[in-house]
Amino acid sequence: MVKCVFCGREESFHKGVHLIHNNGTVSFFCSSKCRKNSLKLERDKRKLKWTEAYRLVRVHAAEQAKRTADKQAEKKDEKPKKSKK
């Protein structure tokens, strides 16, 4: 199984397009949609909703937001109350 460098989908080795660069690295694209978005249109895979990179970034951002919200709640609970004189 080979993983598409753009969308992250796994396909069998004989499907899709294998692009061999001059420096020897091999890029696998599962479809022309992925190939065109990556090479011709030069789009960022983290900003397209149908890619695996987008989902990973969003999950990480959601976890980080939850952690910061929890920390803020803890700080709010830990603050000592000032007594009025």
Protein backbone atom coordinates (compact mmCIF):
# COMPACT_ATOMS: atom_id res chain seq x y z
CA MET A 1 0.00 0.00 0.00
CA VAL A 2 1.22 3.45 -0.95
CA LYS A 3 0.01 6.67 0.67
CA CYS A 4 -0.87 9.71 -1.45
CA VAL A 5 1.42 12.64 -0.62
CA PHE A 6 -1.46 15.11 -0.94
CA CYS A 7 -4.68 13.65 0.45
CA GLY A 8 -3.22 10.80 2.55
CA ARG A 9 -5.39 8.05 1.06
CA GLU A 10 -3.80 4.62 0.77
CA GLU A 11 -3.95 2.86 -2.59
CA SER A 12 -2.34 -0.23 -4.00
CA PHE A 13 1.05 0.21 -5.64
CA HIS A 14 -0.10 -0.22 -9.24
CA LYS A 15 -2.77 2.52 -9.13
CA GLY A 16 -2.28 6.26 -9.36
CA VAL A 17 0.73 8.23 -10.58
CA HIS A 18 4.28 7.93 -9.28
CA LEU A 19 6.25 11.11 -9.88
CA ILE A 20 10.02 10.71 -9.63
CA HIS A 21 11.80 14.00 -9.02
CA ASN A 22 15.33 14.80 -10.22
CA ASN A 23 16.68 14.46 -6.67
CA GLY A 24 15.39 10.88 -6.45
CA THR A 25 12.33 11.35 -4.23
CA VAL A 26 9.16 9.59 -5.32
CA SER A 27 5.77 11.26 -4.90
CA PHE A 28 2.61 9.19 -5.24
CA PHE A 29 -0.69 10.77 -6.24
CA CYS A 30 -3.85 8.68 -6.04
CA SER A 31 -5.83 10.81 -8.51
CA SER A 32 -5.52 13.66 -10.96
CA LYS A 33 -7.38 15.80 -8.44
CA CYS A 34 -4.53 15.41 -5.95
CA ARG A 35 -1.84 15.82 -8.61
CA LYS A 36 -3.32 19.02 -10.02
CA ASN A 37 -3.99 20.55 -6.60
CA SER A 38 -0.42 19.87 -5.54
CA LEU A 39 1.65 20.57 -8.64
CA LYS A 40 -0.34 22.81 -10.95
CA LEU A 41 -2.40 24.85 -8.47
CA GLU A 42 0.14 24.61 -5.61
CA ARG A 43 -2.53 24.43 -2.93
CA ASP A 44 -1.82 23.83 0.73
CA LYS A 45 -3.15 20.42 1.75
CA ARG A 46 -3.78 21.65 5.29
CA LYS A 47 -6.42 24.10 4.02
CA LEU A 48 -8.55 21.66 1.97
CA LYS A 49 -11.28 19.88 3.92
CA TRP A 50 -11.06 16.60 2.01
CA THR A 51 -7.42 15.88 2.93
CA GLU A 52 -6.04 13.98 5.89
CA ALA A 53 -3.68 16.85 6.75
CA TYR A 54 -6.69 19.15 7.23
CA ARG A 55 -8.29 16.70 9.66
CA LEU A 56 -5.06 16.28 11.63
CA VAL A 57 -4.56 20.03 11.94
CA ARG A 58 -8.16 20.56 13.08
CA VAL A 59 -7.99 17.77 15.67
CA HIS A 60 -4.74 19.18 17.05
CA ALA A 61 -6.22 22.69 17.20
CA ALA A 62 -9.33 21.43 18.99
CA GLU A 63 -7.25 19.55 21.57
CA GLN A 64 -5.07 22.59 22.18
CA ALA A 65 -8.13 24.84 22.61
CA LYS A 66 -9.57 22.39 25.11
CA ARG A 67 -6.30 22.32 27.08
CA THR A 68 -6.11 26.10 27.27
CA ALA A 69 -9.75 26.31 28.36
CA ASP A 70 -9.06 23.77 31.12
CA LYS A 71 -5.98 25.70 32.28
CA GLN A 72 -7.94 28.94 32.40
CA ALA A 73 -10.67 27.26 34.44
CA GLU A 74 -8.07 25.92 36.89
CA LYS A 75 -6.49 29.35 37.26
CA LYS A 76 -9.88 30.87 37.90
CA ASP A 77 -10.58 28.35 40.67
CA GLU A 78 -7.12 28.76 42.25
CA LYS A 79 -7.24 32.55 42.69
CA PRO A 80 -7.52 33.38 46.39
CA LYS A 81 -10.44 35.55 47.29
CA LYS A 82 -9.57 38.87 48.78
CA SER A 83 -11.30 39.67 52.01
CA LYS A 84 -12.92 43.04 52.42
CA LYS A 85 -11.73 45.13 55.36
